[in-house]
Amino acid sequence: MRIRSLRVRLILGAGVWIAVALVLAGVAIGYLFTKSVERGASADLSATMSRLVALINADARDTAPVLTGSLPDPRYDTPISGLYWQITDLGTQQMIRSRSLWDHVLKLETPNEGGQLSTVQGPVGQSLLAFSLTARFAKAKNERRFQVIVAQDRSILDEAITRFGRELAVALLILGVVLVLAAILQVRFGLSPFRKLRQDIEGIRKGAASSIDATYPLEVVPVVSEVNALLALQQKSMDFARARASDLAHGLKTPLAVLGTIAYELEDGGDKRSAATIIELTNEMRGRIDYQLRLVRLRQRIRMHALSASLSNIVPRAIAVLKKTRTSEQVDWVVNIIDGLNVDIDANDLIELVGVILENAAQWADSMISVQAKKDATVVELRISDDGPGIQSADLRSIGRRGGRFDETSPGTGLGLAIACEIVSLNNGTIAFERSQYGGLEVTIRLPVAG
């Protein structure tokens, strides 16, 4: 499965390369440490060899080698201590050994003349690192040669190498964790311009800006330029379409006015049926034109900053106006709206939105309209219910569609609720229609909290 997250890809890639690099570094450092330990052991054995050769008494008449002294390290006198030496007279094959060897004889697989490191078997079968050479002592009549072997238990070296390997593994593991955390921070810092770009684009979507003006790294500038170019092209196309729609709508008003005049002339002439048909059609066309013009006005508004409108003030004012109309004289208004309910919407938009919904409720209510509002952390909810005839459940989803009417006998164009839906949508809110507990229609509007 292909990983779609760029952040995860970069972090995983960095983690893999860090792991590979640390493993290779661990192998290399372990190898170098092993060689260093072996060189150190070789140097110690070579120094011991030099002291031991210096103690050989080549003038002694004994057939076995004779030493004029002993080595200072007491481990050579302790059985199976890990440090050993052995001297063999190559002429008589007589030998002497350190007390640490007990009765074991060190045997070289390949005898050599010069100093050389090799591996031999120890007194209890362990592996020994041995340094050997042939010491020559020249005399007037003959020459005496001694094979000298100095050895050290290899487990001492292996233990040091193993201990270092464990410590190195822990150190590299800690280093790996630190490097991965550093890689995560680096990726987060490296991708921060994209987070800023997303915020700027979100601001454009919400209407807070019309283009991206912030300064970005050189690698992101081409993307920003293309986005701005696309936005400019889109804005140009939208402006053209809106202008054409507005021109068309205004252009139709004059013919409609003429038709209206002709209809009244027909009515005066006695042809009331034709006049009524023309008047009804012209009123419907005029309503649709007004609807399109209102949409153009709504969608042309660019929100350059956060908005705030008081729901607590606008709703009571709208209700007070409706109470003066003939349709609301016998309606009981139940209002429960607390103070301080401010929503993120233009005040004119909120006035039009609330007016449309309340006017629709007043038109259909029998005796009561309930207006309730509440607020949570991010949203203000306005719920308007009436006890009118209501709408069938199958028709609830059709409410708010342009020109949708469920009672052809009532006046109006059926565009009010469509306008309300457009206003809510353009202001990042939601609107829902359902049957109220009183039997009529219930409209629930949710808008973002201001600020």
Protein backbone atom coordinates (compact mmCIF):
# COMPACT_ATOMS: atom_id res chain seq x y z
CA MET A 1 0.00 0.00 0.00
CA ARG A 2 1.40 3.36 -1.05
CA ILE A 3 1.80 5.86 1.78
CA ARG A 4 0.01 9.08 0.84
CA SER A 5 1.31 11.24 3.71
CA LEU A 6 4.42 13.20 2.73
CA ARG A 7 5.28 13.66 6.40
CA VAL A 8 5.15 9.91 7.06
CA ARG A 9 7.21 9.23 3.94
CA LEU A 10 9.94 11.65 4.96
CA ILE A 11 10.05 10.39 8.55
CA LEU A 12 10.10 6.73 7.48
CA GLY A 13 12.77 7.46 4.88
CA ALA A 14 14.89 9.30 7.43
CA GLY A 15 14.36 6.48 9.95
CA VAL A 16 15.46 3.82 7.46
CA TRP A 17 18.58 5.72 6.43
CA ILE A 18 19.43 6.52 10.05
CA ALA A 19 19.08 2.83 10.96
CA VAL A 20 21.26 1.76 8.00
CA ALA A 21 23.88 4.39 8.81
CA LEU A 22 23.97 3.45 12.50
CA VAL A 23 24.25 -0.27 11.73
CA LEU A 24 27.13 0.37 9.32
CA ALA A 25 28.72 2.72 11.84
CA GLY A 26 28.33 0.10 14.58
CA VAL A 27 29.97 -2.58 12.42
CA ALA A 28 32.80 -0.25 11.43
CA ILE A 29 33.41 1.02 14.97
CA GLY A 30 33.26 -2.54 16.34
CA TYR A 31 35.78 -3.70 13.75
CA LEU A 32 38.11 -0.79 14.49
CA PHE A 33 37.82 -1.38 18.24
CA THR A 34 38.59 -5.09 17.80
CA LYS A 35 41.67 -4.27 15.76
CA SER A 36 42.69 -1.65 18.30
CA VAL A 37 42.32 -4.13 21.18
CA GLU A 38 44.33 -6.74 19.27
CA ARG A 39 47.05 -4.19 18.48
CA GLY A 40 47.14 -3.18 22.13
CA ALA A 41 47.39 -6.82 23.20
CA SER A 42 50.07 -7.42 20.61
CA ALA A 43 52.03 -4.42 21.88
CA ASP A 44 51.77 -5.72 25.47
CA LEU A 45 52.87 -9.18 24.44
CA SER A 46 55.74 -7.73 22.41
CA ALA A 47 56.90 -5.71 25.41
CA THR A 48 56.67 -8.80 27.63
CA MET A 49 58.58 -10.73 24.96
CA SER A 50 61.39 -8.18 25.02
CA ARG A 51 61.71 -8.40 28.80
CA LEU A 52 61.58 -12.20 28.72
CA VAL A 53 64.28 -12.50 26.04
CA ALA A 54 66.46 -10.13 28.05
CA LEU A 55 66.23 -12.55 31.02
CA ILE A 56 67.53 -15.57 29.06
CA ASN A 57 71.00 -16.70 30.21
CA ALA A 58 72.54 -18.00 27.00
CA ASP A 59 75.87 -18.71 28.74
CA ALA A 60 74.44 -21.25 31.14
CA ARG A 61 75.76 -24.82 30.61
CA ASP A 62 72.37 -26.36 31.32
CA THR A 63 70.59 -28.08 28.43
CA ALA A 64 67.32 -26.38 29.44
CA PRO A 65 66.94 -22.60 29.12
CA VAL A 66 67.81 -20.60 32.20
CA LEU A 67 66.44 -17.19 33.21
CA THR A 68 68.37 -14.66 35.23
CA GLY A 69 65.17 -13.32 36.84
CA SER A 70 61.37 -13.37 36.67
CA LEU A 71 58.70 -11.20 35.14
CA PRO A 72 57.10 -8.68 37.51
CA ASP A 73 53.47 -9.63 36.73
CA PRO A 74 52.36 -12.17 39.40
CA ARG A 75 49.80 -13.70 37.05
CA TYR A 76 52.59 -15.58 35.29
CA ASP A 77 53.11 -17.46 38.57
CA THR A 78 49.38 -18.15 39.12
CA PRO A 79 48.02 -21.36 37.53
CA ILE A 80 45.57 -20.81 34.68
CA SER A 81 45.69 -17.03 35.20
CA GLY A 82 45.39 -16.09 31.53
CA LEU A 83 48.98 -14.95 31.01
CA TYR A 84 51.61 -17.50 29.94
CA TRP A 85 55.13 -17.84 28.57
CA GLN A 86 57.20 -20.71 27.29
CA ILE A 87 60.88 -20.95 26.19
CA THR A 88 62.27 -23.90 24.20
CA ASP A 89 65.93 -24.52 23.42
CA LEU A 90 65.76 -25.50 19.75
CA GLY A 91 69.10 -27.30 20.03
CA THR A 92 68.24 -29.61 22.93
CA GLN A 93 64.38 -29.31 22.72
CA GLN A 94 64.39 -28.65 26.44
CA MET A 95 61.92 -26.06 27.66
CA ILE A 96 60.84 -24.05 30.63
CA ARG A 97 57.35 -22.64 31.20
CA SER A 98 55.59 -20.14 33.38
CA ARG A 99 53.97 -21.60 36.44
CA SER A 100 50.61 -20.39 35.07
CA LEU A 101 50.83 -23.03 32.31
CA TRP A 102 51.10 -25.80 34.89
CA ASP A 103 52.06 -28.86 32.83
CA HIS A 104 50.63 -27.71 29.49
CA VAL A 105 52.85 -27.22 26.45
CA LEU A 106 52.12 -24.45 23.97
CA LYS A 107 52.30 -25.78 20.44
CA LEU A 108 52.55 -23.52 17.42
CA GLU A 109 50.93 -24.76 14.24
CA THR A 110 53.66 -23.12 12.17
CA PRO A 111 57.00 -22.34 13.82
CA ASN A 112 58.37 -18.94 12.82
CA GLU A 113 61.59 -17.03 13.08
CA GLY A 114 60.39 -13.43 13.45
CA GLY A 115 57.79 -11.99 15.80
CA GLN A 116 54.33 -13.15 14.82
CA LEU A 117 50.84 -13.33 16.30
CA SER A 118 48.99 -16.63 16.20
CA THR A 119 46.34 -18.60 18.03
CA VAL A 120 47.23 -21.56 20.24
CA GLN A 121 45.35 -23.81 22.62
CA GLY A 122 45.59 -23.02 26.34
CA PRO A 123 45.93 -25.30 29.36
CA VAL A 124 42.19 -25.86 29.71
CA GLY A 125 41.43 -25.85 25.99
CA GLN A 126 40.80 -22.14 25.74
CA SER A 127 41.99 -20.05 22.83
CA LEU A 128 45.15 -18.00 23.45
CA LEU A 129 46.57 -15.08 21.51
CA ALA A 130 50.27 -15.90 21.24
CA PHE A 131 53.27 -13.83 20.19
CA SER A 132 56.31 -15.93 19.24
CA LEU A 133 59.81 -15.48 17.86
CA THR A 134 63.15 -17.27 17.65
CA ALA A 135 65.87 -15.64 19.76
CA ARG A 136 69.43 -16.22 18.57
CA PHE A 137 72.46 -15.96 20.84
CA ALA A 138 75.77 -16.12 18.96
CA LYS A 139 78.88 -17.58 20.63
CA ALA A 140 82.46 -18.12 19.56
CA LYS A 141 81.97 -21.83 18.91
CA ASN A 142 78.28 -22.24 18.36
CA GLU A 143 74.93 -20.47 18.31
CA ARG A 144 72.03 -21.08 20.65
CA ARG A 145 68.45 -20.58 19.47
CA PHE A 146 65.44 -20.32 21.69
CA GLN A 147 61.78 -20.34 20.66
CA VAL A 148 60.02 -17.85 22.94
CA ILE A 149 56.22 -17.76 23.22
CA VAL A 150 54.22 -15.22 25.22
CA ALA A 151 50.45 -15.79 25.28
CA GLN A 152 47.30 -14.21 26.67
CA ASP A 153 43.84 -15.72 27.15
CA ARG A 154 41.75 -14.45 24.25
CA SER A 155 38.60 -14.43 26.39
CA ILE A 156 39.97 -11.35 28.12
CA LEU A 157 40.00 -9.57 24.79
CA ASP A 158 36.68 -11.04 23.73
CA GLU A 159 35.07 -9.92 26.98
CA ALA A 160 36.33 -6.37 26.45
CA ILE A 161 35.12 -6.41 22.83
CA THR A 162 31.70 -7.81 23.87
CA ARG A 163 31.30 -5.25 26.65
CA PHE A 164 32.23 -2.47 24.25
CA GLY A 165 29.76 -3.85 21.70
CA ARG A 166 26.90 -3.77 24.22
CA GLU A 167 27.76 -0.24 25.29
CA LEU A 168 28.13 0.82 21.67
CA ALA A 169 24.73 -0.68 20.80
CA VAL A 170 23.05 1.23 23.64
CA ALA A 171 24.80 4.44 22.63
CA LEU A 172 23.84 4.00 18.97
CA LEU A 173 20.26 3.20 19.94
CA ILE A 174 20.03 6.40 21.98
CA LEU A 175 21.67 8.30 19.14
CA GLY A 176 19.19 6.75 16.70
CA VAL A 177 16.21 7.87 18.82
CA VAL A 178 17.66 11.38 19.07
CA LEU A 179 18.27 11.50 15.29
CA VAL A 180 14.73 10.27 14.53
CA LEU A 181 13.28 12.92 16.85
CA ALA A 182 15.50 15.50 15.14
CA ALA A 183 14.26 14.23 11.76
CA ILE A 184 10.64 14.57 12.93
CA LEU A 185 11.30 18.15 14.04
CA GLN A 186 13.11 18.86 10.78
CA VAL A 187 10.24 17.46 8.72
CA ARG A 188 7.74 19.44 10.80
CA PHE A 189 9.76 22.61 10.30
CA GLY A 190 10.29 21.86 6.61
CA LEU A 191 6.59 21.32 5.98
CA SER A 192 5.48 24.34 8.02
CA PRO A 193 5.12 26.52 4.86
CA PHE A 194 2.51 24.05 3.61
CA ARG A 195 0.54 24.43 6.85
CA LYS A 196 0.68 28.20 6.37
CA LEU A 197 -0.38 27.73 2.73
CA ARG A 198 -3.33 25.62 3.82
CA GLN A 199 -4.39 28.32 6.30
CA ASP A 200 -4.14 30.99 3.60
CA ILE A 201 -6.22 28.91 1.19
CA GLU A 202 -8.76 28.27 3.95
CA GLY A 203 -8.91 32.03 4.49
CA ILE A 204 -9.67 32.47 0.78
CA ARG A 205 -12.37 29.80 0.97
CA LYS A 206 -13.97 31.56 3.96
CA GLY A 207 -13.78 34.92 2.20
CA ALA A 208 -11.14 36.45 4.48
CA ALA A 209 -8.82 37.11 1.51
CA SER A 210 -8.89 37.03 -2.27
CA SER A 211 -5.32 35.84 -2.90
CA ILE A 212 -2.21 34.52 -1.17
CA ASP A 213 0.05 37.43 -0.29
CA ALA A 214 2.37 35.91 2.35
CA THR A 215 6.09 35.32 1.72
CA TYR A 216 7.05 31.67 1.18
CA PRO A 217 10.32 29.77 0.61
CA LEU A 218 11.59 29.65 -2.98
CA GLU A 219 10.52 26.00 -3.33
CA VAL A 220 6.89 26.87 -2.52
CA VAL A 221 6.70 30.12 -4.49
CA PRO A 222 5.83 28.37 -7.82
CA VAL A 223 2.87 26.62 -6.14
CA VAL A 224 1.69 29.91 -4.61
CA SER A 225 2.01 31.66 -7.98
CA GLU A 226 -0.03 28.98 -9.73
CA VAL A 227 -2.72 29.10 -7.02
CA ASN A 228 -2.95 32.89 -7.30
CA ALA A 229 -3.14 32.66 -11.08
CA LEU A 230 -5.92 30.08 -10.81
CA LEU A 231 -7.80 32.25 -8.30
CA ALA A 232 -7.47 35.29 -10.55
CA LEU A 233 -8.77 33.32 -13.54
CA GLN A 234 -11.65 31.92 -11.50
CA GLN A 235 -12.52 35.36 -10.16
CA LYS A 236 -12.47 36.81 -13.67
CA SER A 237 -14.79 34.08 -14.93
CA MET A 238 -17.14 34.54 -11.96
CA ASP A 239 -17.23 38.31 -12.39
CA PHE A 240 -18.06 37.88 -16.06
CA ALA A 241 -20.82 35.36 -15.32
CA ARG A 242 -22.29 37.54 -12.59
CA ALA A 243 -22.18 40.61 -14.78
CA ARG A 244 -23.95 38.76 -17.57
CA ALA A 245 -26.57 37.42 -15.18
CA SER A 246 -27.13 40.88 -13.71
CA ASP A 247 -27.34 42.48 -17.15
CA LEU A 248 -29.79 39.82 -18.28
CA ALA A 249 -31.94 40.26 -15.16
CA HIS A 250 -32.04 44.04 -15.51
CA GLY A 251 -32.67 43.72 -19.22
CA LEU A 252 -35.77 41.62 -18.58
CA LYS A 253 -37.32 44.08 -16.17
CA THR A 254 -38.35 46.54 -18.88
CA PRO A 255 -40.18 43.90 -21.02
CA LEU A 256 -41.87 42.63 -17.85
CA ALA A 257 -43.03 46.15 -16.99
CA VAL A 258 -44.45 46.47 -20.50
CA LEU A 259 -46.24 43.12 -20.12
CA GLY A 260 -47.64 44.28 -16.80
CA THR A 261 -49.01 47.43 -18.46
CA ILE A 262 -50.56 45.36 -21.27
CA ALA A 263 -52.15 43.06 -18.67
CA TYR A 264 -53.82 45.97 -16.89
CA GLU A 265 -55.03 47.31 -20.26
CA LEU A 266 -56.53 43.88 -21.01
CA GLU A 267 -58.19 43.90 -17.61
CA ASP A 268 -59.66 47.32 -18.26
CA GLY A 269 -60.88 46.03 -21.63
CA GLY A 270 -62.75 43.19 -20.00
CA ASP A 271 -60.35 40.31 -20.67
CA LYS A 272 -59.73 39.65 -16.99
CA ARG A 273 -58.75 35.99 -17.46
CA SER A 274 -55.88 36.75 -19.83
CA ALA A 275 -54.83 39.70 -17.69
CA ALA A 276 -54.67 37.52 -14.55
CA THR A 277 -52.57 34.92 -16.35
CA ILE A 278 -50.11 37.53 -17.63
CA ILE A 279 -49.89 39.24 -14.23
CA GLU A 280 -49.25 35.92 -12.48
CA LEU A 281 -46.50 34.98 -14.96
CA THR A 282 -44.86 38.41 -14.81
CA ASN A 283 -44.90 38.37 -11.01
CA GLU A 284 -43.28 34.94 -10.97
CA MET A 285 -40.62 36.03 -13.49
CA ARG A 286 -40.00 39.23 -11.52
CA GLY A 287 -39.56 37.15 -8.35
CA ARG A 288 -37.05 34.90 -10.04
CA ILE A 289 -35.13 37.89 -11.37
CA ASP A 290 -35.05 39.45 -7.90
CA TYR A 291 -33.83 36.10 -6.56
CA GLN A 292 -30.92 36.02 -9.03
CA LEU A 293 -30.01 39.63 -8.27
CA ARG A 294 -29.97 38.91 -4.56
CA LEU A 295 -27.73 35.89 -5.16
CA VAL A 296 -25.34 38.03 -7.18
CA ARG A 297 -25.22 40.54 -4.33
CA LEU A 298 -24.64 37.83 -1.74
CA ARG A 299 -21.90 36.05 -3.65
CA GLN A 300 -20.06 39.22 -4.61
CA ARG A 301 -19.48 40.10 -0.97
CA ILE A 302 -15.88 39.31 0.07
CA ARG A 303 -15.31 38.83 3.78
CA MET A 304 -12.03 40.57 4.54
CA HIS A 305 -12.35 40.05 8.29
CA ALA A 306 -14.45 38.22 10.85
CA LEU A 307 -18.05 39.42 11.06
CA SER A 308 -20.40 39.77 13.99
CA ALA A 309 -24.15 40.21 14.17
CA SER A 310 -26.31 40.08 17.28
CA LEU A 311 -28.95 37.38 17.02
CA SER A 312 -30.28 38.51 20.42
CA ASN A 313 -31.17 41.94 18.94
CA ILE A 314 -32.15 41.14 15.35
CA VAL A 315 -34.69 38.38 16.09
CA PRO A 316 -36.82 40.47 18.54
CA ARG A 317 -36.77 43.39 16.07
CA ALA A 318 -37.97 41.16 13.23
CA ILE A 319 -40.72 39.72 15.44
CA ALA A 320 -41.83 43.20 16.43
CA VAL A 321 -42.22 44.15 12.76
CA LEU A 322 -44.18 40.97 11.94
CA LYS A 323 -46.55 41.49 14.88
CA LYS A 324 -47.84 44.60 13.12
CA THR A 325 -48.88 42.65 10.02
CA ARG A 326 -52.37 41.25 9.50
CA THR A 327 -51.20 37.63 9.32
CA SER A 328 -49.54 37.79 12.77
CA GLU A 329 -52.21 39.58 14.75
CA GLN A 330 -53.68 36.36 16.21
CA VAL A 331 -50.32 34.51 16.61
CA ASP A 332 -48.81 33.92 20.03
CA TRP A 333 -45.00 34.30 19.92
CA VAL A 334 -42.98 32.16 22.40
CA VAL A 335 -39.45 33.55 22.38
CA ASN A 336 -36.52 32.21 24.39
CA ILE A 337 -33.28 33.92 23.33
CA ILE A 338 -30.58 34.83 25.81
CA ASP A 339 -28.50 37.99 25.51
CA GLY A 340 -25.07 38.00 23.91
CA LEU A 341 -25.72 35.56 21.05
CA ASN A 342 -23.41 36.89 18.32
CA VAL A 343 -22.90 34.98 15.08
CA ASP A 344 -20.25 35.22 12.36
CA ILE A 345 -22.41 36.71 9.60
CA ASP A 346 -23.07 40.10 8.06
CA ALA A 347 -25.87 41.90 9.91
CA ASN A 348 -27.83 42.55 6.70
CA ASP A 349 -27.61 38.86 5.78
CA LEU A 350 -28.85 37.87 9.23
CA ILE A 351 -31.75 40.33 9.04
CA GLU A 352 -32.79 38.92 5.65
CA LEU A 353 -32.34 35.30 6.83
CA VAL A 354 -34.34 35.72 10.03
CA GLY A 355 -36.98 37.78 8.24
CA VAL A 356 -37.55 35.12 5.58
CA ILE A 357 -37.90 32.26 8.10
CA LEU A 358 -40.10 34.20 10.53
CA GLU A 359 -42.30 35.54 7.71
CA ASN A 360 -42.81 32.01 6.40
CA ALA A 361 -43.73 30.79 9.90
CA ALA A 362 -46.14 33.69 10.41
CA GLN A 363 -47.79 32.98 7.08
CA TRP A 364 -48.61 29.36 7.97
CA ALA A 365 -48.97 29.34 11.77
CA ASP A 366 -52.46 28.82 13.22
CA SER A 367 -51.94 30.32 16.65
CA MET A 368 -48.38 29.90 17.91
CA ILE A 369 -44.74 30.33 16.83
CA SER A 370 -41.83 29.20 19.00
CA VAL A 371 -38.40 30.85 18.61
CA GLN A 372 -35.57 29.26 20.62
CA ALA A 373 -31.84 29.93 20.48
CA LYS A 374 -28.90 28.36 22.28
CA LYS A 375 -25.14 28.39 22.03
CA ASP A 376 -22.31 25.90 22.46
CA ALA A 377 -18.55 26.40 22.09
CA THR A 378 -18.49 27.13 18.35
CA VAL A 379 -22.07 27.26 17.06
CA VAL A 380 -25.27 29.23 17.75
CA GLU A 381 -28.46 27.29 17.03
CA LEU A 382 -31.73 29.06 16.15
CA ARG A 383 -34.88 26.90 16.11
CA ILE A 384 -38.17 28.31 14.75
CA SER A 385 -41.33 26.15 14.99
CA ASP A 386 -44.97 26.78 14.14
CA ASP A 387 -48.28 24.94 14.60
CA GLY A 388 -49.42 25.30 11.00
CA PRO A 389 -50.41 22.53 8.59
CA GLY A 390 -46.78 21.52 8.13
CA ILE A 391 -45.26 19.61 5.22
CA GLN A 392 -45.31 15.93 4.40
CA SER A 393 -42.15 14.07 5.40
CA ALA A 394 -41.48 13.12 1.77
CA ASP A 395 -41.40 16.82 0.82
CA LEU A 396 -39.03 18.03 3.57
CA ARG A 397 -35.93 17.42 1.46
CA SER A 398 -37.33 19.59 -1.34
CA ILE A 399 -37.65 22.68 0.84
CA GLY A 400 -35.21 25.39 -0.13
CA ARG A 401 -34.95 24.41 -3.77
CA ARG A 402 -35.38 27.29 -6.15
CA GLY A 403 -39.02 27.83 -7.03
CA GLY A 404 -40.21 24.98 -4.84
CA ARG A 405 -43.79 25.62 -3.64
CA PHE A 406 -46.08 23.24 -1.77
CA ASP A 407 -49.23 25.36 -1.98
CA GLU A 408 -49.87 26.86 -5.40
CA THR A 409 -52.92 28.75 -4.07
CA SER A 410 -50.89 30.94 -1.72
CA PRO A 411 -49.18 34.13 -2.87
CA GLY A 412 -45.44 34.27 -3.43
CA THR A 413 -42.80 32.74 -5.65
CA GLY A 414 -41.48 30.06 -3.33
CA LEU A 415 -37.98 31.62 -3.43
CA GLY A 416 -37.76 32.94 0.15
CA LEU A 417 -36.54 29.70 1.70
CA ALA A 418 -34.14 29.22 -1.22
CA ILE A 419 -32.62 32.61 -0.41
CA ALA A 420 -32.37 31.56 3.26
CA CYS A 421 -30.53 28.37 2.29
CA GLU A 422 -28.10 30.37 0.13
CA ILE A 423 -27.40 32.84 2.94
CA VAL A 424 -26.70 30.04 5.43
CA SER A 425 -24.49 28.16 2.96
CA LEU A 426 -22.44 31.26 2.07
CA ASN A 427 -21.79 31.90 5.78
CA ASN A 428 -20.53 28.39 6.63
CA GLY A 429 -23.70 27.37 8.44
CA THR A 430 -26.31 24.65 8.11
CA ILE A 431 -30.09 24.70 7.84
CA ALA A 432 -32.48 21.79 8.40
CA PHE A 433 -36.24 21.39 7.95
CA GLU A 434 -38.39 18.91 9.89
CA ARG A 435 -41.84 18.50 11.37
CA SER A 436 -42.22 20.39 14.64
CA GLN A 437 -43.66 19.03 17.86
CA TYR A 438 -46.62 21.39 17.33
CA GLY A 439 -47.49 19.82 13.97
CA GLY A 440 -46.11 22.52 11.68
CA LEU A 441 -42.69 23.16 10.21
CA GLU A 442 -39.52 23.45 12.31
CA VAL A 443 -36.46 25.22 10.86
CA THR A 444 -33.10 24.73 12.60
CA ILE A 445 -30.29 27.12 11.65
CA ARG A 446 -26.73 26.65 12.91
CA LEU A 447 -24.21 29.46 12.41
CA PRO A 448 -20.62 29.89 13.65
CA VAL A 449 -20.07 31.91 16.80
CA ALA A 450 -18.63 35.36 16.12
CA GLY A 451 -15.02 36.02 17.03
